[in-house]
Protein backbone atom coordinates (compact mmCIF):
# COMPACT_ATOMS: atom_id res chain seq x y z
CA MET A 1 14.40 -23.23 5.10
CA ASP A 2 16.69 -20.96 3.16
CA PHE A 3 15.23 -17.35 3.92
CA SER A 4 18.23 -15.21 2.07
CA LEU A 5 17.42 -13.49 -1.21
CA ASN A 6 18.09 -14.43 -4.51
CA GLU A 7 20.42 -13.16 -6.80
CA ILE A 8 17.76 -10.87 -8.28
CA GLN A 9 16.15 -10.01 -5.33
CA ALA A 10 19.42 -9.01 -3.65
CA MET A 11 20.02 -6.54 -7.49
CA LEU A 12 16.64 -4.81 -6.73
CA ALA A 13 17.05 -4.28 -3.46
CA ASP A 14 20.61 -3.13 -3.71
CA SER A 15 19.23 -1.06 -6.30
CA VAL A 16 16.70 0.64 -4.76
CA ASP A 17 18.93 1.36 -1.37
CA LYS A 18 21.41 2.89 -3.81
CA PHE A 19 18.86 5.34 -5.22
CA ILE A 20 17.50 5.85 -1.50
CA GLN A 21 21.18 7.31 -0.28
CA ASN A 22 22.29 8.88 -3.36
CA GLU A 23 19.18 10.62 -5.02
CA TYR A 24 15.98 10.54 -1.96
CA ASP A 25 17.51 12.15 1.00
CA PHE A 26 14.27 13.11 3.84
CA ASP A 27 14.98 16.89 2.62
CA THR A 28 14.17 15.51 -0.99
CA ARG A 29 10.86 13.51 -0.05
CA GLN A 30 9.99 16.68 2.10
CA ALA A 31 9.81 18.72 -0.96
CA TYR A 32 8.33 16.35 -3.05
CA ALA A 33 5.28 15.75 -0.41
CA GLU A 34 4.55 19.58 -0.52
CA SER A 35 4.67 19.78 -4.25
CA ASP A 36 1.14 20.21 -6.82
CA LYS A 37 1.48 16.58 -7.25
CA GLY A 38 2.54 15.06 -3.64
CA PHE A 39 4.99 12.87 -5.62
CA SER A 40 7.61 13.62 -8.55
CA ALA A 41 6.70 12.50 -12.24
CA ASP A 42 10.50 12.72 -12.71
CA VAL A 43 10.88 10.28 -10.25
CA TRP A 44 7.89 7.84 -11.28
CA LYS A 45 9.79 7.94 -14.53
CA THR A 46 12.90 7.04 -12.81
CA PHE A 47 10.78 3.71 -11.14
CA ALA A 48 9.55 2.76 -14.67
CA GLU A 49 13.41 3.07 -16.47
CA LEU A 50 14.97 1.17 -13.45
CA GLY A 51 11.99 -1.74 -13.46
CA TRP A 52 9.98 -1.01 -10.23
CA THR A 53 6.85 -0.63 -11.66
CA ALA A 54 7.42 -3.58 -13.94
CA VAL A 55 7.92 -6.46 -10.68
CA PRO A 56 5.01 -7.69 -10.21
CA PHE A 57 3.31 -8.20 -14.23
CA ALA A 58 4.00 -11.09 -15.99
CA GLU A 59 6.62 -11.05 -19.31
CA ASP A 60 4.39 -11.13 -21.82
CA ASP A 61 2.33 -8.34 -20.00
CA GLY A 62 6.04 -6.13 -19.95
CA GLY A 63 6.83 -7.34 -16.68
CA LEU A 64 9.27 -8.98 -14.57
CA ALA A 65 7.34 -11.86 -13.82
CA GLY A 66 7.86 -11.23 -9.70
CA GLY A 67 6.23 -12.75 -6.90
CA PRO A 68 5.24 -11.59 -3.49
CA ALA A 69 8.98 -11.83 -2.60
CA ASP A 70 10.43 -9.29 -4.73
CA ILE A 71 7.26 -7.01 -3.80
CA MET A 72 8.19 -7.86 -0.24
CA VAL A 73 11.59 -6.50 -0.79
CA LEU A 74 11.40 -3.49 -3.14
CA MET A 75 8.27 -2.19 -0.68
CA GLN A 76 10.62 -2.85 2.33
CA GLN A 77 13.65 -0.48 1.06
CA LEU A 78 11.15 1.79 -0.54
CA ALA A 79 10.19 2.12 3.68
CA ARG A 80 13.19 3.45 4.49
CA GLY A 81 13.51 6.68 2.16
CA LEU A 82 9.75 7.19 2.94
CA VAL A 83 8.73 7.32 -0.85
CA VAL A 84 5.68 9.64 -1.92
CA GLU A 85 5.59 8.10 -5.01
CA PRO A 86 2.58 6.36 -5.35
CA TYR A 87 3.80 2.56 -6.15
CA LEU A 88 0.68 1.37 -3.84
CA ALA A 89 -2.17 2.88 -6.17
CA ASN A 90 -0.98 2.08 -9.18
CA VAL A 91 1.03 -0.89 -9.56
CA ILE A 92 -0.50 -3.02 -6.14
CA LEU A 93 -4.05 -1.82 -6.29
CA ALA A 94 -4.95 -0.59 -10.04
CA GLY A 95 -2.59 -2.90 -11.46
CA GLY A 96 -3.09 -6.11 -8.97
CA ILE A 97 -6.56 -5.92 -10.20
CA LEU A 98 -5.83 -5.35 -14.16
CA ARG A 99 -3.23 -8.05 -14.41
CA ARG A 100 -6.47 -10.25 -12.50
CA ALA A 101 -9.14 -9.27 -15.11
CA ALA A 102 -7.99 -7.51 -17.91
CA ASN A 103 -7.99 -8.64 -21.32
CA ALA A 104 -5.27 -8.16 -24.10
CA GLU A 105 -6.78 -5.01 -25.46
CA GLN A 106 -7.41 -3.67 -21.59
CA LYS A 107 -4.26 -4.33 -20.89
CA GLU A 108 -2.28 -3.09 -24.23
CA ARG A 109 -4.35 0.10 -23.23
CA TRP A 110 -4.30 0.86 -19.62
CA LEU A 111 -1.23 -1.67 -17.77
CA GLN A 112 1.42 -0.77 -20.23
CA PRO A 113 1.27 2.14 -20.41
CA MET A 114 1.41 2.18 -16.36
CA ILE A 115 4.11 0.30 -16.40
CA SER A 116 6.27 2.79 -18.37
CA GLY A 117 5.64 5.03 -15.84
CA GLU A 118 3.09 7.46 -18.95
CA PHE A 119 -0.16 6.55 -16.98
CA GLN A 120 -1.42 7.36 -13.20
CA ALA A 121 -4.14 4.87 -11.75
CA SER A 122 -6.18 4.11 -8.72
CA LEU A 123 -8.32 1.47 -7.42
CA ALA A 124 -11.47 3.09 -6.13
CA PHE A 125 -12.83 0.73 -3.59
CA THR A 126 -13.80 1.96 -0.08
CA GLU A 127 -17.32 3.38 0.42
CA PRO A 128 -18.33 5.73 3.57
CA GLN A 129 -20.33 2.61 5.33
CA ALA A 130 -17.77 0.04 4.23
CA ARG A 131 -15.65 0.06 7.56
CA TYR A 132 -12.99 -2.62 5.94
CA ARG A 133 -16.09 -4.61 4.57
CA LEU A 134 -14.78 -5.07 1.27
CA ALA A 135 -18.28 -6.53 -0.29
CA SER A 136 -20.07 -3.78 1.03
CA ILE A 137 -19.95 -1.32 -2.10
CA ALA A 138 -23.61 0.96 -3.11
CA THR A 139 -21.77 1.93 -6.03
CA SER A 140 -24.20 0.91 -8.88
CA ALA A 141 -23.64 0.30 -12.06
CA THR A 142 -26.70 0.25 -14.50
CA ARG A 143 -26.43 -1.62 -17.99
CA ASP A 144 -28.09 1.56 -20.74
CA GLY A 145 -28.24 0.08 -23.59
CA GLU A 146 -23.67 -0.72 -24.90
CA GLU A 147 -23.03 1.62 -21.64
CA TRP A 148 -22.75 0.74 -18.18
CA VAL A 149 -23.73 4.08 -16.10
CA LEU A 150 -22.52 3.99 -12.58
CA ASP A 151 -23.74 6.16 -9.48
CA GLY A 152 -22.20 6.54 -5.85
CA CYS A 153 -19.56 8.05 -3.56
CA LYS A 154 -15.60 6.48 -3.04
CA GLY A 155 -13.34 7.80 0.03
CA LEU A 156 -10.33 7.72 0.43
CA VAL A 157 -8.72 7.00 -2.77
CA PRO A 158 -5.10 6.66 -2.91
CA ASN A 159 -3.73 9.11 -5.83
CA GLY A 160 -7.29 9.65 -6.49
CA GLY A 161 -6.46 13.59 -6.99
CA THR A 162 -3.48 12.12 -9.60
CA ALA A 163 -5.35 9.17 -11.39
CA ASP A 164 -5.82 9.09 -15.45
CA LEU A 165 -7.45 6.16 -13.97
CA LEU A 166 -9.95 4.35 -12.01
CA ILE A 167 -10.84 1.14 -11.16
CA VAL A 168 -14.28 1.08 -9.58
CA PRO A 169 -16.19 -1.83 -7.96
CA ALA A 170 -19.31 -1.50 -8.10
CA ARG A 171 -22.92 -3.59 -7.62
CA THR A 172 -24.42 -4.95 -10.65
CA SER A 173 -26.41 -7.03 -8.45
CA GLY A 174 -27.75 -7.77 -5.04
CA ASP A 175 -27.80 -6.68 -1.96
CA ILE A 176 -25.13 -4.16 -0.43
CA ASP A 177 -23.10 -6.94 1.51
CA ASP A 178 -23.19 -9.47 -0.68
CA GLU A 179 -20.18 -10.54 -2.41
CA GLN A 180 -22.11 -12.05 -5.33
CA GLY A 181 -23.00 -8.89 -6.96
CA ILE A 182 -19.93 -6.78 -7.70
CA SER A 183 -18.25 -5.59 -11.22
CA LEU A 184 -14.90 -4.17 -11.89
CA PHE A 185 -15.07 -1.06 -14.60
CA ALA A 186 -12.23 1.42 -15.35
CA VAL A 187 -12.71 4.86 -15.30
CA SER A 188 -11.62 7.71 -16.51
CA THR A 189 -11.24 10.42 -14.56
CA ASP A 190 -11.93 13.02 -17.54
CA SER A 191 -14.86 11.20 -17.38
CA ASP A 192 -18.70 13.45 -17.50
CA GLY A 193 -20.25 13.26 -14.41
CA LEU A 194 -16.90 12.67 -11.93
CA THR A 195 -15.88 14.59 -9.37
CA ARG A 196 -12.39 14.57 -7.40
CA ASN A 197 -11.92 16.53 -4.24
CA ALA A 198 -8.33 15.71 -3.45
CA TYR A 199 -6.25 16.30 -0.07
CA ALA A 200 -3.22 15.73 1.71
CA THR A 201 -3.48 12.80 4.53
CA ILE A 202 -0.77 12.73 7.54
CA ASP A 203 1.53 10.54 6.54
CA GLY A 204 2.61 13.15 3.43
CA GLY A 205 0.82 11.11 0.94
CA ARG A 206 -2.34 12.52 -1.47
CA ALA A 207 -5.63 10.84 -1.47
CA ALA A 208 -9.03 12.06 -3.05
CA GLU A 209 -13.21 11.35 -2.59
CA VAL A 210 -14.89 10.34 -5.54
CA THR A 211 -18.25 11.01 -6.56
CA LEU A 212 -19.82 9.53 -9.85
CA ASN A 213 -23.51 10.80 -10.93
CA ASN A 214 -24.76 9.16 -14.14
CA VAL A 215 -20.90 8.52 -15.21
CA ARG A 216 -20.89 6.58 -18.17
CA VAL A 217 -19.07 4.12 -19.60
CA ALA A 218 -19.02 2.06 -22.96
CA ASP A 219 -18.87 -1.78 -22.25
CA ASP A 220 -15.25 -2.43 -22.75
CA ALA A 221 -14.76 -0.99 -19.69
CA LEU A 222 -15.62 -3.69 -17.83
CA LEU A 223 -13.09 -5.88 -16.63
CA GLY A 224 -13.46 -9.15 -16.29
CA GLU A 225 -17.22 -11.30 -15.42
CA VAL A 226 -20.67 -9.47 -14.44
CA ASP A 227 -21.45 -10.33 -11.02
CA ASN A 228 -18.04 -11.76 -10.36
CA GLY A 229 -15.32 -9.39 -9.56
CA PHE A 230 -15.26 -9.45 -5.77
CA PRO A 231 -12.51 -12.83 -5.82
CA VAL A 232 -10.53 -10.25 -8.11
CA LEU A 233 -11.06 -7.55 -5.37
CA ASP A 234 -10.41 -9.38 -2.37
CA ALA A 235 -6.65 -11.22 -4.03
CA THR A 236 -5.75 -7.58 -4.91
CA ILE A 237 -6.36 -6.53 -1.61
CA ASP A 238 -4.72 -9.05 0.25
CA GLU A 239 -1.91 -8.51 -1.95
CA ALA A 240 -1.86 -4.70 -1.32
CA THR A 241 -2.42 -5.79 2.46
CA LEU A 242 0.97 -7.65 2.63
CA ALA A 243 3.01 -4.84 0.85
CA VAL A 244 2.19 -2.19 3.52
CA CYS A 245 2.55 -4.65 6.06
CA ALA A 246 6.25 -4.97 3.57
CA GLU A 247 6.58 -1.43 4.18
CA ALA A 248 5.87 -1.10 8.01
CA VAL A 249 8.38 -3.91 8.64
CA GLY A 250 10.44 -1.43 7.13
CA ILE A 251 10.00 1.65 8.88
CA MET A 252 9.80 -0.15 12.15
CA GLN A 253 13.35 -1.71 11.60
CA VAL A 254 14.35 1.93 10.39
CA LEU A 255 12.89 3.66 13.66
CA LYS A 256 15.02 1.27 16.00
CA ASP A 257 18.26 1.59 13.65
CA LYS A 258 17.74 5.08 14.46
CA THR A 259 16.81 4.75 18.40
CA VAL A 260 19.49 2.71 19.44
CA GLU A 261 21.70 5.80 17.04
CA TYR A 262 19.93 8.26 19.26
CA SER A 263 20.92 6.86 22.59
CA LYS A 264 24.13 6.33 21.48
CA ASP A 265 24.83 10.32 20.94
CA ARG A 266 22.24 11.87 23.14
CA SER A 267 24.37 12.46 26.65
CA GLN A 268 22.38 13.03 30.11
CA PHE A 269 23.27 13.31 33.58
CA GLY A 270 27.18 12.99 31.36
CA VAL A 271 26.68 9.52 30.01
CA PRO A 272 24.94 8.81 27.07
CA ILE A 273 21.07 7.69 27.81
CA GLY A 274 21.73 4.71 25.97
CA SER A 275 23.78 3.61 28.89
CA PHE A 276 20.20 3.51 31.44
CA GLN A 277 18.63 0.25 31.71
CA GLU A 278 15.45 1.25 31.42
CA LEU A 279 15.98 2.71 27.98
CA GLN A 280 18.37 -0.55 26.91
CA HIS A 281 14.97 -3.26 28.01
CA ARG A 282 12.75 -0.59 25.58
CA MET A 283 15.26 -0.94 23.22
CA VAL A 284 15.54 -4.54 23.07
CA ASP A 285 11.45 -4.40 22.99
CA MET A 286 11.82 -2.81 19.66
CA LEU A 287 14.32 -5.54 18.53
CA MET A 288 12.09 -8.48 19.68
CA ALA A 289 9.32 -6.50 18.06
CA CYS A 290 11.13 -6.34 14.50
CA GLU A 291 12.43 -9.85 14.50
CA GLN A 292 8.81 -11.30 15.51
CA ALA A 293 7.61 -9.48 11.93
CA GLN A 294 9.90 -9.97 9.77
CA SER A 295 9.43 -13.56 10.88
CA LEU A 296 5.81 -13.45 10.33
CA LEU A 297 5.85 -11.32 7.10
CA LEU A 298 8.08 -13.96 5.66
CA TRP A 299 5.21 -16.63 6.77
CA ALA A 300 2.65 -14.30 5.06
CA VAL A 301 5.05 -13.72 2.19
CA MET A 302 5.26 -17.90 1.52
CA ALA A 303 2.09 -18.54 2.42
CA ASN A 304 0.61 -16.67 -0.56
CA ALA A 305 2.92 -17.46 -3.18
CA SER A 306 2.64 -20.55 -2.57
CA GLY A 307 -1.49 -20.03 -2.42
CA ALA A 308 -1.62 -22.30 1.01
CA GLU A 309 -4.92 -22.75 2.37
CA ASP A 310 -3.94 -21.13 5.56
CA ARG A 311 -2.66 -17.75 3.61
CA LYS A 312 -5.56 -15.22 4.96
CA ARG A 313 -5.24 -16.52 8.24
CA ALA A 314 -1.28 -15.20 7.71
CA VAL A 315 -1.67 -12.08 6.12
CA SER A 316 -4.50 -11.41 8.98
CA SER A 317 -1.85 -11.90 11.88
CA ILE A 318 1.23 -9.69 9.84
CA LYS A 319 -1.67 -7.19 9.81
CA TYR A 320 -2.75 -6.80 13.51
CA LEU A 321 1.48 -7.63 14.72
CA VAL A 322 2.47 -4.49 12.94
CA SER A 323 -0.66 -2.57 13.81
CA THR A 324 0.07 -3.26 17.29
CA ALA A 325 3.48 -4.08 18.21
CA GLY A 326 4.69 -1.68 15.02
CA ARG A 327 2.58 1.00 16.72
CA VAL A 328 3.91 0.92 20.26
CA LEU A 329 7.44 0.53 18.79
CA GLY A 330 7.01 3.82 16.87
CA GLU A 331 5.34 5.06 20.24
CA ASP A 332 8.68 4.18 22.33
CA ALA A 333 11.09 5.81 19.37
CA ILE A 334 9.13 9.38 19.36
CA GLN A 335 9.24 9.28 23.20
CA ILE A 336 13.00 8.30 23.33
CA HIS A 337 13.90 11.13 21.32
CA GLY A 338 11.95 13.53 23.54
CA GLY A 339 10.30 17.11 22.60
CA MET A 340 12.61 16.81 19.44
CA GLY A 341 10.34 13.34 18.35
CA VAL A 342 7.60 14.62 17.20
CA THR A 343 9.02 18.12 15.17
CA TRP A 344 8.42 18.34 11.90
CA GLU A 345 11.98 18.30 10.60
CA LEU A 346 12.95 15.24 12.42
CA ASP A 347 12.66 12.20 9.96
CA VAL A 348 11.48 9.97 12.71
CA ALA A 349 8.41 12.10 13.24
CA HIS A 350 7.38 11.29 9.60
CA TYR A 351 8.38 7.28 9.72
CA PHE A 352 5.92 7.22 12.83
CA LYS A 353 3.03 8.87 10.64
CA ARG A 354 3.49 6.80 7.90
CA LEU A 355 3.28 3.77 10.03
CA THR A 356 0.23 4.87 11.98
CA ALA A 357 -1.46 5.47 8.58
CA ILE A 358 -0.80 2.06 7.78
CA CYS A 359 -2.15 0.47 11.35
CA ALA A 360 -5.57 1.89 9.64
CA MET A 361 -5.17 0.59 6.26
CA PHE A 362 -7.36 -2.33 4.51
CA GLY A 363 -8.52 -3.34 8.60
CA ASP A 364 -6.90 -2.39 11.72
CA ALA A 365 -6.19 -4.39 14.22
CA ASP A 366 -9.43 -4.91 15.69
CA TRP A 367 -10.82 -6.34 12.48
CA HIS A 368 -7.89 -8.31 11.50
CA LEU A 369 -8.07 -10.27 15.00
CA ASP A 370 -11.77 -10.64 14.39
CA LYS A 371 -11.10 -12.36 11.58
CA LEU A 372 -8.14 -14.86 12.76
CA ALA A 373 -10.82 -15.41 15.91
CA SER A 374 -13.63 -16.14 13.82
CA ALA A 375 -11.23 -18.21 11.35
CA SER A 376 -10.41 -20.44 14.64
CA ARG A 377 -13.93 -21.80 15.60
């Protein structure tokens, strides 16, 4: 089987790589992360001009009709620069819902401006009681004439403090954990009754807690069918899980490369520390973890691209691996770098922070291991 990139994917990888090398060094990234927004609006516009924000969307919607493999290539390359611009929040999460559920008028109103870089959006799907249970939604939506009234709380909304639009899953019928009875709404962040508490996250990104108190939206804010939003939400989160796993694999490769290079330059007892057998063994383990993760990622990408029956098992498998072997690899990278490995000034520490955050996103290792065990019964 041929795992090489096609011409378009190679061009995409090359364009991101050149951008990271020439315009997005570590100090620049830190400056963007510490700014008021937590990212650069100019860089985000550049993403749009280069076509990166259009990758997964249909040509009729102004996109490039890319698939899971194209997103994998893009996310692995963005990982090398530890990019803080909200690609996941906008393109993968909010964009994933809009391209699956929005009608033509809604896409023209929200999706196309987002693709062009003029609009910020996010998906507010996490709730305090849920703990990775995607269907656990207490936020309610009640019809009142030609409007819907939304009440509830959403936590850890990526890009929630900057977004112009939030996609809000809300319960329109059923019990709190039922998959049936969930509907999706597009809510402007300047709506009366909507409040946001934004904060910085451990990995240099931004998120927000969102409260909806009698927030009224028009009937045309409903995305897709009433009570039938869970399949759209589920497919989007699977795609997002795969995207952050691709990012994690990219980070693992960077940490491995930087650790090997450091071991050649750092001397102890008059010799490079890379000559010590114990450290050589660890770096071989890091290489093996990277190769295994890349192989499993390719399987998951192909399974999702083809709609294979085992695609969910593939997603859980790669998420489990990057959350376990990836974390061990990161810890080894930090330890081999010594005390400086945890300093704010060294990029290795920030790669590890991002990898740690990814381990907890969309289900941790234990959560996905339980899913794999349940699927095999």
